[in-house]
Amino acid sequence: MILYLMKKILLFIFLLSLSFSLNLKSQELIAFNQDTLWGYKDKADNIIIKPQYQYAKKFIKDYAVVIKNDSTGVINKNNEIIIPFKYNFIQYLENDKFLFGYRTEYFGEFNMGVIDKDLKIIIPANFYYIEKYKTFYKATKNVYEILKAIDSGDLRSVKSLYGLFGLDGKEIIPCKYDQLSFLNDNLIVLEKNNLQALFNYRGEPITDFIYMVFGDFHDGLAKARIGNKYGFINELGKVVIPVKYDYCNEYVNGYSIVTLNNKWLALNTKGKIIITPKDSYDDVKKALETIR
């Protein structure tokens, strides 16, 4: 009988502590300052985590970034340490992953990487900055040359290079390009030596580095510029409309108004001339309205 009662009591204590933990996890905690130290209260002004930190940021999900002994770490709402106090910079990303970093010799700059709640290093802290975009991490690495050492710090020439990682930390595109931008859900624009190329999300090149700029895709085609001439390519990187026009407007409802030798004309998505050359853009636009 005594053993049965003991089991019931232990079960009750376990369920009570579990309920308290779940309630604490779901409630909102607010950072507050008291005598130079920071802690957390609930909305009823009850102290949940007593003041003990140099600084405390607001909770995001179940995590808060706090500072102790001049180092940054992460706690949960039970005040349990998730990320130990050994870093100079931490920022919550999402899905239990954090941006972390070490201070460099230059004020306000860090070497950054990505770590998860289990302390697994996803991306080593070798980058100036890392930002998440959909299912990728875009990484920035700064390469600099010291031009002159002065009392207030080094005078530097800084060049930023960009690369791409998967959420698992696998390198997709090495950090060696002058620009990296996402054109759409399938393609990335990379730039080096002032020329651009298209790559897919697997890091494979779709075009060579011969283009000055790409436009957005409309009707399956994107404006592309080589030198001072324009044309259109498809999502496979194939030139569909020859790069020979002085200017091209993006496709709208299957037609593009382009200019060549100071004349304006309209093309369909196959490159066929639909409206013959006219003296002005407005003349072509009016003519298009009659066939739409």
Foldseek 3Di string as FASTA:
>chain_A
DVVVVVVVVVVVVVVVVVVVVVVLQPFFWDWDDDPQFIATDGPVRHGQGDGDFNDWDGDDRQWIWTHDPQFIFIAGSNRHTQGDRDFNDWDDADPQKIKTFHDDPDPPWTQIFMAGSNRRTQADSHFRDWDDDDQKIKTKHKDWDFPDADPVGTDIDIAIFIFMAGPSNHGQGDRHFRDWDAQDPFWIWTHDPQFIFIDGPSNHTQDDRQWNDWAHDDPQWIWTAGDQFIFIDGPSNHTQADRHFNDWDHDDPQKIWTHHPQWIFIAGSNNDTPGPTDNDPVVRVVVVVVVD
